[in-house]
Amino acid sequence: MVDRETKERKLIALMVDDLGPGFGEMEMARLESEVRALPQAELDGTLAGRLKLPHSVDEQTLEQALSHVEERSRSNQESFTGAPDMSHEPRPEERK
């Protein structure tokens, strides 16, 4: 049986994948908050719909479908600061 936290992470992964790149930190926080606020039945129903399963899917089928959903790496989420990437080498004009 898949726990609620895993279901929430998988739904967020599906939604972020649909929305595409450029998803900011504030939007992500709002999305996570909205997903956490869903009642259990609505969370399961939304996941079933996103995975193109019947709304009244059994737990084993839902678990099997969720195993194919790739989540964002936790390390990427935790290390995201919103700051520009400054890990590049300085340009010649920047070197002094």
N, C-alpha and C. Protein backbone atom coordinates (compact mmCIF):
# COMPACT_ATOMS: atom_id res chain seq x y z
N MET A 1 0.84 -1.19 0.00
CA MET A 1 0.00 0.00 0.00
C MET A 1 0.89 1.25 0.00
N VAL A 2 0.56 2.18 -0.87
CA VAL A 2 1.33 3.42 -0.99
C VAL A 2 0.85 4.41 0.06
N ASP A 3 1.80 5.01 0.79
CA ASP A 3 1.42 5.98 1.82
C ASP A 3 1.03 7.31 1.18
N ARG A 4 0.35 8.13 1.94
CA ARG A 4 -0.17 9.41 1.44
C ARG A 4 0.95 10.33 0.94
N GLU A 5 2.05 10.40 1.67
CA GLU A 5 3.16 11.28 1.28
C GLU A 5 3.69 10.91 -0.10
N THR A 6 3.82 9.63 -0.37
CA THR A 6 4.29 9.17 -1.68
C THR A 6 3.29 9.56 -2.76
N LYS A 7 2.01 9.39 -2.49
CA LYS A 7 0.98 9.77 -3.45
C LYS A 7 1.05 11.27 -3.74
N GLU A 8 1.25 12.08 -2.71
CA GLU A 8 1.36 13.53 -2.89
C GLU A 8 2.56 13.87 -3.77
N ARG A 9 3.71 13.25 -3.50
CA ARG A 9 4.92 13.52 -4.29
C ARG A 9 4.72 13.11 -5.74
N LYS A 10 4.07 11.98 -5.96
CA LYS A 10 3.84 11.50 -7.33
C LYS A 10 2.89 12.43 -8.08
N LEU A 11 1.84 12.91 -7.41
CA LEU A 11 0.91 13.83 -8.06
C LEU A 11 1.63 15.14 -8.40
N ILE A 12 2.43 15.63 -7.49
CA ILE A 12 3.20 16.86 -7.75
C ILE A 12 4.13 16.64 -8.94
N ALA A 13 4.79 15.49 -9.01
CA ALA A 13 5.68 15.19 -10.14
C ALA A 13 4.91 15.20 -11.45
N LEU A 14 3.72 14.62 -11.46
CA LEU A 14 2.91 14.61 -12.68
C LEU A 14 2.50 16.02 -13.08
N MET A 15 2.12 16.82 -12.11
CA MET A 15 1.68 18.18 -12.39
C MET A 15 2.83 19.05 -12.89
N VAL A 16 3.99 18.95 -12.26
CA VAL A 16 5.16 19.73 -12.67
C VAL A 16 5.57 19.31 -14.08
N ASP A 17 5.50 18.02 -14.36
CA ASP A 17 5.83 17.53 -15.69
C ASP A 17 4.89 18.14 -16.74
N ASP A 18 3.61 18.24 -16.41
CA ASP A 18 2.63 18.84 -17.32
C ASP A 18 2.89 20.33 -17.53
N LEU A 19 3.28 21.02 -16.48
CA LEU A 19 3.48 22.46 -16.54
C LEU A 19 4.77 22.85 -17.24
N GLY A 20 5.75 21.97 -17.25
CA GLY A 20 6.99 22.22 -17.97
C GLY A 20 8.00 23.03 -17.18
N PRO A 21 9.09 23.41 -17.86
CA PRO A 21 10.18 24.13 -17.18
C PRO A 21 9.76 25.55 -16.79
N GLY A 22 10.56 26.13 -15.94
CA GLY A 22 10.31 27.51 -15.51
C GLY A 22 9.37 27.59 -14.31
N PHE A 23 9.20 26.48 -13.63
CA PHE A 23 8.33 26.44 -12.47
C PHE A 23 9.10 27.00 -11.28
N GLY A 24 8.67 28.14 -10.74
CA GLY A 24 9.39 28.83 -9.68
C GLY A 24 9.15 28.25 -8.30
N GLU A 25 9.95 28.74 -7.38
CA GLU A 25 9.89 28.27 -5.99
C GLU A 25 8.54 28.58 -5.35
N MET A 26 8.00 29.77 -5.60
CA MET A 26 6.71 30.13 -5.00
C MET A 26 5.58 29.29 -5.57
N GLU A 27 5.61 29.05 -6.88
CA GLU A 27 4.58 28.22 -7.50
C GLU A 27 4.65 26.79 -6.95
N MET A 28 5.87 26.30 -6.76
CA MET A 28 6.06 24.95 -6.22
C MET A 28 5.50 24.86 -4.80
N ALA A 29 5.76 25.85 -3.98
CA ALA A 29 5.25 25.85 -2.61
C ALA A 29 3.72 25.87 -2.61
N ARG A 30 3.13 26.68 -3.49
CA ARG A 30 1.67 26.75 -3.57
C ARG A 30 1.09 25.41 -4.03
N LEU A 31 1.72 24.80 -5.03
CA LEU A 31 1.27 23.51 -5.54
C LEU A 31 1.33 22.45 -4.45
N GLU A 32 2.44 22.39 -3.73
CA GLU A 32 2.59 21.42 -2.65
C GLU A 32 1.52 21.61 -1.58
N SER A 33 1.23 22.86 -1.24
CA SER A 33 0.22 23.17 -0.24
C SER A 33 -1.17 22.71 -0.70
N GLU A 34 -1.48 22.97 -1.96
CA GLU A 34 -2.78 22.57 -2.49
C GLU A 34 -2.93 21.06 -2.52
N VAL A 35 -1.87 20.36 -2.89
CA VAL A 35 -1.93 18.89 -2.94
C VAL A 35 -2.09 18.32 -1.53
N ARG A 36 -1.36 18.88 -0.55
CA ARG A 36 -1.48 18.41 0.83
C ARG A 36 -2.88 18.62 1.40
N ALA A 37 -3.58 19.64 0.92
CA ALA A 37 -4.91 19.96 1.43
C ALA A 37 -6.01 19.06 0.85
N LEU A 38 -5.69 18.29 -0.17
CA LEU A 38 -6.71 17.43 -0.78
C LEU A 38 -7.15 16.32 0.19
N PRO A 39 -8.45 16.06 0.27
CA PRO A 39 -8.90 14.89 1.04
C PRO A 39 -8.38 13.61 0.37
N GLN A 40 -8.25 12.55 1.13
CA GLN A 40 -7.69 11.29 0.62
C GLN A 40 -8.41 10.80 -0.64
N ALA A 41 -9.73 10.81 -0.63
CA ALA A 41 -10.50 10.32 -1.78
C ALA A 41 -10.23 11.17 -3.03
N GLU A 42 -10.10 12.47 -2.84
CA GLU A 42 -9.83 13.36 -3.98
C GLU A 42 -8.40 13.17 -4.49
N LEU A 43 -7.46 12.94 -3.59
CA LEU A 43 -6.08 12.67 -3.98
C LEU A 43 -6.02 11.40 -4.83
N ASP A 44 -6.66 10.34 -4.35
CA ASP A 44 -6.68 9.08 -5.09
C ASP A 44 -7.38 9.24 -6.44
N GLY A 45 -8.50 9.95 -6.46
CA GLY A 45 -9.24 10.15 -7.70
C GLY A 45 -8.45 10.98 -8.70
N THR A 46 -7.76 12.01 -8.21
CA THR A 46 -6.96 12.85 -9.10
C THR A 46 -5.80 12.06 -9.68
N LEU A 47 -5.15 11.26 -8.85
CA LEU A 47 -4.06 10.41 -9.35
C LEU A 47 -4.59 9.43 -10.39
N ALA A 48 -5.71 8.81 -10.12
CA ALA A 48 -6.29 7.86 -11.06
C ALA A 48 -6.57 8.54 -12.40
N GLY A 49 -7.14 9.73 -12.35
CA GLY A 49 -7.43 10.47 -13.58
C GLY A 49 -6.16 10.82 -14.34
N ARG A 50 -5.14 11.28 -13.65
CA ARG A 50 -3.87 11.65 -14.28
C ARG A 50 -3.19 10.44 -14.92
N LEU A 51 -3.40 9.27 -14.31
CA LEU A 51 -2.79 8.04 -14.80
C LEU A 51 -3.70 7.29 -15.77
N LYS A 52 -4.83 7.92 -16.12
CA LYS A 52 -5.81 7.34 -17.04
C LYS A 52 -6.34 5.99 -16.56
N LEU A 53 -6.62 5.94 -15.27
CA LEU A 53 -7.20 4.76 -14.64
C LEU A 53 -8.64 5.08 -14.25
N PRO A 54 -9.46 4.05 -14.05
CA PRO A 54 -10.83 4.31 -13.58
C PRO A 54 -10.81 5.02 -12.22
N HIS A 55 -11.79 5.89 -12.00
CA HIS A 55 -11.83 6.66 -10.75
C HIS A 55 -11.86 5.76 -9.51
N SER A 56 -12.51 4.64 -9.61
CA SER A 56 -12.62 3.72 -8.46
C SER A 56 -11.60 2.59 -8.57
N VAL A 57 -10.36 2.94 -8.88
CA VAL A 57 -9.29 1.95 -9.05
C VAL A 57 -8.91 1.33 -7.71
N ASP A 58 -8.52 0.06 -7.74
CA ASP A 58 -8.09 -0.58 -6.49
C ASP A 58 -6.67 -0.14 -6.16
N GLU A 59 -6.31 -0.27 -4.90
CA GLU A 59 -5.03 0.22 -4.38
C GLU A 59 -3.84 -0.44 -5.07
N GLN A 60 -3.93 -1.72 -5.37
CA GLN A 60 -2.81 -2.43 -5.99
C GLN A 60 -2.55 -1.90 -7.41
N THR A 61 -3.60 -1.65 -8.18
CA THR A 61 -3.44 -1.11 -9.53
C THR A 61 -2.86 0.29 -9.48
N LEU A 62 -3.35 1.11 -8.54
CA LEU A 62 -2.83 2.47 -8.38
C LEU A 62 -1.35 2.43 -8.00
N GLU A 63 -1.00 1.55 -7.08
CA GLU A 63 0.39 1.42 -6.66
C GLU A 63 1.29 1.02 -7.83
N GLN A 64 0.83 0.10 -8.64
CA GLN A 64 1.61 -0.34 -9.80
C GLN A 64 1.81 0.81 -10.79
N ALA A 65 0.75 1.57 -11.04
CA ALA A 65 0.85 2.71 -11.96
C ALA A 65 1.78 3.79 -11.40
N LEU A 66 1.71 4.03 -10.10
CA LEU A 66 2.56 5.05 -9.48
C LEU A 66 4.03 4.67 -9.51
N SER A 67 4.32 3.39 -9.56
CA SER A 67 5.73 2.96 -9.59
C SER A 67 6.43 3.42 -10.86
N HIS A 68 5.66 3.79 -11.88
CA HIS A 68 6.25 4.26 -13.15
C HIS A 68 6.39 5.78 -13.22
N VAL A 69 5.92 6.47 -12.18
CA VAL A 69 6.01 7.93 -12.16
C VAL A 69 7.34 8.33 -11.54
N GLU A 70 8.13 9.09 -12.30
CA GLU A 70 9.43 9.55 -11.79
C GLU A 70 9.25 10.84 -11.02
N GLU A 71 9.79 10.87 -9.83
CA GLU A 71 9.74 12.08 -9.00
C GLU A 71 10.96 12.93 -9.24
N ARG A 72 10.82 14.22 -8.96
CA ARG A 72 11.99 15.10 -8.99
C ARG A 72 12.94 14.65 -7.89
N SER A 73 14.19 14.78 -8.15
CA SER A 73 15.20 14.42 -7.15
C SER A 73 15.04 15.30 -5.92
N ARG A 74 15.01 14.69 -4.75
CA ARG A 74 14.88 15.45 -3.49
C ARG A 74 16.06 16.40 -3.31
N SER A 75 17.26 15.97 -3.72
CA SER A 75 18.43 16.84 -3.54
C SER A 75 18.28 18.10 -4.39
N ASN A 76 17.69 17.98 -5.58
CA ASN A 76 17.47 19.16 -6.43
C ASN A 76 16.47 20.10 -5.77
N GLN A 77 15.43 19.57 -5.16
CA GLN A 77 14.43 20.40 -4.51
C GLN A 77 15.01 21.11 -3.30
N GLU A 78 15.79 20.40 -2.51
CA GLU A 78 16.31 20.98 -1.28
C GLU A 78 17.43 21.98 -1.53
N SER A 79 18.18 21.79 -2.62
CA SER A 79 19.29 22.69 -2.87
C SER A 79 18.89 23.87 -3.74
N PHE A 80 17.67 23.89 -4.23
CA PHE A 80 17.23 24.98 -5.09
C PHE A 80 17.12 26.26 -4.28
N THR A 81 17.80 27.30 -4.74
CA THR A 81 17.78 28.58 -4.02
C THR A 81 17.10 29.67 -4.80
N GLY A 82 16.91 29.47 -6.10
CA GLY A 82 16.34 30.51 -6.93
C GLY A 82 17.40 31.49 -7.42
N ALA A 83 18.63 31.35 -6.93
CA ALA A 83 19.71 32.25 -7.35
C ALA A 83 20.27 31.80 -8.69
N PRO A 84 20.83 32.72 -9.46
CA PRO A 84 21.41 32.32 -10.75
C PRO A 84 22.60 31.40 -10.55
N ASP A 85 22.82 30.56 -11.55
CA ASP A 85 23.95 29.63 -11.51
C ASP A 85 25.24 30.40 -11.75
N MET A 86 26.10 30.43 -10.76
CA MET A 86 27.37 31.15 -10.87
C MET A 86 28.55 30.18 -10.90
N SER A 87 28.29 28.93 -11.27
CA SER A 87 29.34 27.92 -11.25
C SER A 87 30.19 27.93 -12.52
N HIS A 88 29.90 28.80 -13.46
CA HIS A 88 30.66 28.85 -14.70
C HIS A 88 31.99 29.60 -14.50
N GLU A 89 32.87 29.37 -15.43
CA GLU A 89 34.14 30.09 -15.42
C GLU A 89 33.87 31.54 -15.79
N PRO A 90 34.59 32.49 -15.21
CA PRO A 90 34.37 33.89 -15.57
C PRO A 90 34.76 34.15 -17.03
N ARG A 91 34.07 35.06 -17.64
CA ARG A 91 34.41 35.49 -19.00
C ARG A 91 35.74 36.23 -18.95
N PRO A 92 36.42 36.35 -20.11
CA PRO A 92 37.71 37.05 -20.12
C PRO A 92 37.59 38.46 -19.55
N GLU A 93 36.52 39.18 -19.86
CA GLU A 93 36.37 40.54 -19.34
C GLU A 93 36.07 40.57 -17.85
N GLU A 94 35.63 39.43 -17.30
CA GLU A 94 35.35 39.36 -15.87
C GLU A 94 36.61 39.02 -15.06
N ARG A 95 37.62 38.50 -15.72
CA ARG A 95 38.86 38.13 -15.04
C ARG A 95 39.74 39.36 -14.85
N LYS A 96 40.21 39.55 -13.66
CA LYS A 96 41.11 40.69 -13.39
C LYS A 96 42.06 40.34 -12.29
